[in-house]
Amino acid sequence: MHFFYESISIQAWIAFILLFVVMLLLNEFSRRSLWAGILMFIILPLFLSFVVWPKTSAGTNVDNWFQHAKIISVNLGAWIFLALRYSKRVQSWNWYKVLPMLILVINILEAVEREFEISHMTTTTVVDGMTYLGGTWNVVNAWAGILNILILCGWFGIYVSKDKNRTMIWPDMLWFWIIAYDLWNFTYAYNALGDRSFYVFPVLFSATLAAHFIRKGAWLQHRTHTLAFNQLIMFTWPALFVSSSIAVHSSWNPAAMWLLSIISFVFNLGVFIYQVKTIIAKKKNPFKDELYTDHKDYIELKEMEEQF
């Protein structure tokens, strides 16, 4: 048995890479036009909901309040983003920019609540084919998730790019917040999803890579799209990442869960302290103002937009 996972087969590594590539391609396809977004986030989920998922997901590891809440909230987020990206009227409503932030907060809170819930499962527990082992590490990472919410800022600065792809840009969401989120979210997956967590990384990393090298400033849109696609896969093939030939089982090592939870908490706390110092030094209101307008990445985004 290894520190984080039991043995990882060649088939699992191939599936890992394939999932990463599929996430990148589907994300690019879905952000290219309004009709691509409607197909991937409205037509396809509705068809699967009524025709496929009643047969594939009932009574499986995805048939619980958390997974149902997740798939509803993430698709709702995609719908809200589509409206913002393609409706001039919606873009004129400044209050509407709060909704992307709220969707993100809801998604984080869902996971925080789930982790608090699992923390009470202090002995190995199997529910609908999923194994759980809870402990204080869940509480530590849940607080990292709360910190991750507190360090959100600059949502009134969200805008839609002027290029043909109409991408939703959040310029104040910089690399250190994204890393803080990724650390927290992967740790949540490792602590609370266990045997499925190996395949969470390519989904997370695809959004982060897209936000740094494909379309900067659009992390939230990338993350929402890739998470939605991953949820579609899980509800269609619930056993794929849990009990199939490519499944990778967690070692259920408390030391590994503690290590990840502490790293997640410390990094999010560090960003929180940095943000508080920034607020004080610049005398800004984090509920109304953008905080990082003097950062290199922020300036590059604005200069890029001026080219269109």
Protein backbone atom coordinates (compact mmCIF):
# COMPACT_ATOMS: atom_id res chain seq x y z
CA MET A 1 0.00 0.00 0.00
CA HIS A 2 1.33 3.46 -0.92
CA PHE A 3 0.97 6.73 1.00
CA PHE A 4 -1.93 8.26 -0.98
CA TYR A 5 -3.27 5.45 -3.17
CA GLU A 6 -3.04 1.75 -3.65
CA SER A 7 -1.39 0.60 -6.89
CA ILE A 8 -2.13 2.67 -10.02
CA SER A 9 -2.36 0.63 -13.21
CA ILE A 10 -1.25 1.65 -16.70
CA GLN A 11 -4.93 1.67 -17.72
CA ALA A 12 -5.66 4.13 -14.92
CA TRP A 13 -2.90 6.50 -16.05
CA ILE A 14 -4.20 6.34 -19.62
CA ALA A 15 -7.72 7.09 -18.39
CA PHE A 16 -6.29 9.96 -16.27
CA ILE A 17 -4.66 11.56 -19.33
CA LEU A 18 -7.68 10.89 -21.52
CA LEU A 19 -10.02 12.54 -19.00
CA PHE A 20 -7.75 15.59 -18.87
CA VAL A 21 -7.76 15.91 -22.68
CA VAL A 22 -11.52 15.36 -22.90
CA MET A 23 -12.12 18.10 -20.31
CA LEU A 24 -9.96 20.56 -22.25
CA LEU A 25 -11.65 19.78 -25.57
CA LEU A 26 -15.21 19.88 -24.24
CA ASN A 27 -14.49 23.14 -22.43
CA GLU A 28 -13.15 24.73 -25.60
CA PHE A 29 -16.08 23.47 -27.65
CA SER A 30 -18.67 24.69 -25.14
CA ARG A 31 -17.23 28.20 -24.86
CA ARG A 32 -17.00 28.84 -28.58
CA SER A 33 -20.65 29.77 -29.20
CA LEU A 34 -24.06 30.21 -27.60
CA TRP A 35 -25.39 27.13 -29.36
CA ALA A 36 -22.54 24.97 -28.13
CA GLY A 37 -23.32 26.12 -24.59
CA ILE A 38 -27.04 25.42 -24.98
CA LEU A 39 -26.30 21.95 -26.34
CA MET A 40 -23.85 20.98 -23.59
CA PHE A 41 -25.51 22.60 -20.56
CA ILE A 42 -29.24 22.57 -21.34
CA ILE A 43 -30.21 20.05 -24.01
CA LEU A 44 -27.78 17.25 -23.07
CA PRO A 45 -28.35 17.39 -19.25
CA LEU A 46 -32.14 17.48 -19.70
CA PHE A 47 -32.05 14.50 -22.05
CA LEU A 48 -29.82 12.52 -19.70
CA SER A 49 -31.93 13.49 -16.67
CA PHE A 50 -35.14 12.04 -18.09
CA VAL A 51 -33.91 9.25 -20.36
CA VAL A 52 -30.58 7.91 -19.06
CA TRP A 53 -29.92 8.73 -15.41
CA PRO A 54 -33.07 7.12 -13.94
CA LYS A 55 -31.62 3.84 -15.25
CA THR A 56 -27.93 4.40 -14.51
CA SER A 57 -27.64 6.39 -11.26
CA ALA A 58 -30.50 5.29 -8.98
CA GLY A 59 -29.16 3.55 -5.87
CA THR A 60 -25.52 4.08 -6.83
CA ASN A 61 -22.67 6.09 -5.27
CA VAL A 62 -23.94 9.30 -6.91
CA ASP A 63 -27.49 8.93 -5.56
CA ASN A 64 -27.08 11.22 -2.53
CA TRP A 65 -27.94 14.80 -1.62
CA PHE A 66 -24.45 16.12 -2.30
CA GLN A 67 -24.12 14.79 -5.85
CA HIS A 68 -27.65 15.86 -6.79
CA ALA A 69 -27.05 19.35 -5.34
CA LYS A 70 -23.72 19.55 -7.16
CA ILE A 71 -25.05 18.69 -10.60
CA ILE A 72 -27.98 21.10 -10.22
CA SER A 73 -25.88 23.99 -8.94
CA VAL A 74 -23.10 23.59 -11.50
CA ASN A 75 -25.51 23.49 -14.44
CA LEU A 76 -27.41 26.45 -13.00
CA GLY A 77 -24.09 28.28 -12.93
CA ALA A 78 -23.47 27.46 -16.58
CA TRP A 79 -26.93 28.83 -17.47
CA ILE A 80 -26.28 32.05 -15.53
CA PHE A 81 -22.94 32.47 -17.30
CA LEU A 82 -24.55 31.92 -20.71
CA ALA A 83 -27.09 34.64 -20.01
CA LEU A 84 -24.36 37.04 -18.90
CA ARG A 85 -22.15 36.24 -21.89
CA TYR A 86 -24.76 36.59 -24.63
CA SER A 87 -27.43 39.01 -23.37
CA LYS A 88 -26.68 42.73 -23.62
CA ARG A 89 -29.56 43.43 -21.27
CA VAL A 90 -28.20 41.10 -18.59
CA GLN A 91 -24.75 42.67 -18.97
CA SER A 92 -26.30 46.05 -18.13
CA TRP A 93 -27.48 44.72 -14.75
CA ASN A 94 -24.50 45.29 -12.45
CA TRP A 95 -26.16 43.31 -9.65
CA TYR A 96 -26.15 40.23 -11.90
CA LYS A 97 -22.39 39.98 -11.45
CA VAL A 98 -23.01 38.85 -7.88
CA LEU A 99 -24.61 35.62 -9.19
CA PRO A 100 -21.39 33.99 -10.48
CA MET A 101 -19.85 34.62 -7.07
CA LEU A 102 -22.91 33.17 -5.31
CA ILE A 103 -22.88 30.03 -7.48
CA LEU A 104 -19.22 29.50 -6.58
CA VAL A 105 -19.94 30.07 -2.88
CA ILE A 106 -22.83 27.59 -2.97
CA ASN A 107 -20.62 24.95 -4.59
CA ILE A 108 -17.91 25.42 -1.97
CA LEU A 109 -20.44 25.38 0.89
CA GLU A 110 -21.92 22.12 -0.41
CA ALA A 111 -18.50 20.50 -0.08
CA VAL A 112 -17.82 22.15 3.30
CA GLU A 113 -21.09 20.78 4.68
CA ARG A 114 -20.34 17.34 3.25
CA GLU A 115 -16.93 17.33 4.89
CA PHE A 116 -18.36 18.29 8.28
CA GLU A 117 -20.89 15.47 7.80
CA ILE A 118 -18.23 12.88 6.95
CA SER A 119 -16.02 13.95 9.89
CA HIS A 120 -18.36 11.98 12.16
CA MET A 121 -17.74 8.70 10.27
CA THR A 122 -14.74 7.84 12.42
CA THR A 123 -14.70 4.18 11.39
CA THR A 124 -14.52 2.89 7.82
CA THR A 125 -18.06 3.11 6.41
CA VAL A 126 -19.39 1.93 3.05
CA VAL A 127 -22.49 3.65 1.65
CA ASP A 128 -23.83 2.79 -1.84
CA GLY A 129 -20.45 1.43 -2.88
CA MET A 130 -18.45 4.43 -1.62
CA THR A 131 -16.01 4.09 1.28
CA TYR A 132 -15.71 6.86 3.87
CA LEU A 133 -13.33 7.42 6.77
CA GLY A 134 -13.83 10.66 8.63
CA GLY A 135 -11.86 12.52 11.26
CA THR A 136 -10.67 15.91 12.42
CA TRP A 137 -8.83 16.37 9.12
CA ASN A 138 -12.26 16.89 7.51
CA VAL A 139 -12.96 19.75 9.91
CA VAL A 140 -9.56 21.35 9.18
CA ASN A 141 -10.17 21.27 5.44
CA ALA A 142 -13.76 22.44 5.85
CA TRP A 143 -12.38 25.56 7.49
CA ALA A 144 -9.96 25.91 4.58
CA GLY A 145 -13.05 25.96 2.34
CA ILE A 146 -14.61 28.69 4.48
CA LEU A 147 -11.41 30.72 4.19
CA ASN A 148 -11.50 30.17 0.42
CA ILE A 149 -14.93 31.83 0.36
CA LEU A 150 -13.72 34.73 2.48
CA ILE A 151 -10.86 35.49 0.07
CA LEU A 152 -13.17 35.91 -2.92
CA CYS A 153 -13.12 39.50 -4.12
CA GLY A 154 -13.68 41.78 -7.09
CA TRP A 155 -16.86 40.19 -8.47
CA PHE A 156 -18.25 43.55 -9.57
CA GLY A 157 -15.27 43.71 -11.92
CA ILE A 158 -16.51 40.69 -13.90
CA TYR A 159 -16.98 41.45 -17.58
CA VAL A 160 -17.57 39.68 -20.89
CA SER A 161 -14.71 39.69 -23.38
CA LYS A 162 -15.19 41.58 -26.65
CA ASP A 163 -13.85 38.79 -28.83
CA LYS A 164 -16.12 36.37 -30.71
CA ASN A 165 -16.08 33.79 -27.90
CA ARG A 166 -17.76 36.12 -25.39
CA THR A 167 -15.85 34.68 -22.43
CA MET A 168 -16.71 35.62 -18.84
CA ILE A 169 -13.63 37.23 -17.25
CA TRP A 170 -13.05 37.73 -13.52
CA PRO A 171 -9.80 39.76 -13.47
CA ASP A 172 -9.44 39.95 -9.68
CA MET A 173 -9.41 36.14 -9.40
CA LEU A 174 -5.65 35.70 -9.61
CA TRP A 175 -3.36 32.68 -9.52
CA PHE A 176 -2.94 32.53 -5.72
CA TRP A 177 -6.71 32.23 -5.19
CA ILE A 178 -6.91 29.54 -7.88
CA ILE A 179 -4.12 27.53 -6.24
CA ALA A 180 -5.80 27.94 -2.84
CA TYR A 181 -9.04 26.63 -4.33
CA ASP A 182 -7.34 23.71 -6.09
CA LEU A 183 -5.56 22.64 -2.90
CA TRP A 184 -8.78 22.84 -0.91
CA ASN A 185 -10.90 21.08 -3.55
CA PHE A 186 -8.50 18.22 -4.18
CA THR A 187 -8.14 17.73 -0.43
CA TYR A 188 -11.92 17.67 -0.12
CA ALA A 189 -12.06 15.02 -2.86
CA TYR A 190 -9.37 12.95 -1.17
CA ASN A 191 -11.02 13.22 2.24
CA ALA A 192 -14.64 12.81 1.19
CA LEU A 193 -14.68 11.06 -2.20
CA GLY A 194 -11.79 8.70 -1.57
CA ASP A 195 -11.73 6.15 -4.36
CA ARG A 196 -12.91 8.73 -6.89
CA SER A 197 -10.37 11.40 -5.96
CA PHE A 198 -7.60 10.25 -8.32
CA TYR A 199 -9.73 11.42 -11.25
CA VAL A 200 -10.59 14.75 -9.64
CA PHE A 201 -7.10 16.08 -10.35
CA PRO A 202 -7.32 16.07 -14.19
CA VAL A 203 -10.70 17.83 -13.99
CA LEU A 204 -9.29 20.48 -11.66
CA PHE A 205 -6.03 20.89 -13.58
CA SER A 206 -7.77 21.23 -16.94
CA ALA A 207 -9.55 24.36 -15.70
CA THR A 208 -6.40 25.77 -14.12
CA LEU A 209 -4.33 25.15 -17.25
CA ALA A 210 -7.02 26.72 -19.45
CA ALA A 211 -7.06 29.79 -17.18
CA HIS A 212 -3.30 30.25 -17.49
CA PHE A 213 -2.56 29.27 -21.10
CA ILE A 214 -5.76 29.18 -23.17
CA ARG A 215 -8.05 31.98 -21.94
CA LYS A 216 -6.68 33.92 -19.00
CA GLY A 217 -9.03 35.39 -16.43
CA ALA A 218 -11.79 32.89 -17.18
CA TRP A 219 -11.06 30.31 -14.49
CA LEU A 220 -14.59 30.27 -13.07
CA GLN A 221 -16.10 29.64 -16.49
CA HIS A 222 -13.53 26.91 -17.23
CA ARG A 223 -14.09 25.30 -13.82
CA THR A 224 -17.87 25.36 -14.12
CA HIS A 225 -17.77 23.79 -17.57
CA THR A 226 -15.31 21.02 -16.70
CA LEU A 227 -17.09 20.23 -13.42
CA ALA A 228 -20.41 20.01 -15.28
CA PHE A 229 -18.94 17.57 -17.80
CA ASN A 230 -17.45 15.47 -15.02
CA GLN A 231 -20.83 15.29 -13.29
CA LEU A 232 -22.45 14.14 -16.54
CA ILE A 233 -19.88 11.35 -16.81
CA MET A 234 -20.35 10.26 -13.19
CA PHE A 235 -24.16 10.10 -13.40
CA THR A 236 -24.00 8.20 -16.68
CA TRP A 237 -21.31 5.71 -15.57
CA PRO A 238 -21.35 5.79 -11.72
CA ALA A 239 -18.99 2.84 -11.34
CA LEU A 240 -16.40 4.11 -13.83
CA PHE A 241 -14.05 5.79 -11.34
CA VAL A 242 -15.01 3.69 -8.32
CA SER A 243 -15.18 -0.02 -9.15
CA SER A 244 -14.27 -0.51 -12.82
CA SER A 245 -10.96 -1.77 -14.21
CA ILE A 246 -9.55 1.78 -14.19
CA ALA A 247 -10.58 2.57 -10.59
CA VAL A 248 -7.81 3.76 -8.25
CA HIS A 249 -8.46 3.06 -4.60
CA SER A 250 -7.45 5.39 -1.81
CA SER A 251 -5.02 4.08 0.80
CA TRP A 252 -7.33 5.54 3.48
CA ASN A 253 -4.23 6.69 5.28
CA PRO A 254 -5.05 9.22 8.05
CA ALA A 255 -1.51 10.65 7.72
CA ALA A 256 -2.17 11.45 4.04
CA MET A 257 -5.50 13.10 4.88
CA TRP A 258 -3.90 15.13 7.65
CA LEU A 259 -1.03 16.23 5.38
CA LEU A 260 -3.31 17.44 2.59
CA SER A 261 -5.72 19.12 5.01
CA ILE A 262 -2.95 21.03 6.78
CA ILE A 263 -1.40 22.18 3.48
CA SER A 264 -4.83 23.28 2.24
CA PHE A 265 -5.62 25.19 5.43
CA VAL A 266 -2.21 26.86 5.73
CA PHE A 267 -2.19 28.03 2.10
CA ASN A 268 -5.75 29.41 2.30
CA LEU A 269 -4.90 31.10 5.60
CA GLY A 270 -1.84 32.64 3.98
CA VAL A 271 -3.90 34.09 1.13
CA PHE A 272 -6.47 35.33 3.66
CA ILE A 273 -3.76 37.17 5.63
CA TYR A 274 -2.32 38.61 2.41
CA GLN A 275 -5.76 39.83 1.38
CA VAL A 276 -6.42 41.47 4.74
CA LYS A 277 -3.08 43.28 4.49
CA THR A 278 -3.97 44.38 0.94
CA ILE A 279 -7.36 45.70 2.06
CA ILE A 280 -5.77 47.69 4.90
CA ALA A 281 -2.86 49.01 2.83
CA LYS A 282 -5.03 50.09 -0.12
CA LYS A 283 -8.04 51.12 2.00
CA LYS A 284 -10.38 49.10 -0.21
CA ASN A 285 -13.79 47.57 0.36
CA PRO A 286 -13.61 43.85 -0.56
CA PHE A 287 -17.39 43.73 -1.10
CA LYS A 288 -17.32 46.45 -3.78
CA ASP A 289 -13.77 47.07 -4.98
CA GLU A 290 -11.25 45.12 -7.01
CA LEU A 291 -8.20 44.59 -4.82
CA TYR A 292 -5.44 43.55 -7.20
CA THR A 293 -5.58 46.13 -9.99
CA ASP A 294 -1.82 46.73 -9.73
CA HIS A 295 -0.90 43.05 -10.22
CA LYS A 296 0.84 42.03 -13.44
CA ASP A 297 -1.80 39.44 -14.41
CA TYR A 298 -4.64 41.93 -13.87
CA ILE A 299 -2.91 44.57 -16.00
CA GLU A 300 -2.23 42.03 -18.78
CA LEU A 301 -5.92 41.08 -18.89
CA LYS A 302 -6.99 44.68 -19.26
CA GLU A 303 -4.39 45.31 -21.98
CA MET A 304 -5.54 42.19 -23.82
CA GLU A 305 -9.13 43.41 -23.78
CA GLU A 306 -8.14 46.79 -25.21
CA GLN A 307 -6.85 45.00 -28.34
CA PHE A 308 -10.37 43.99 -29.39
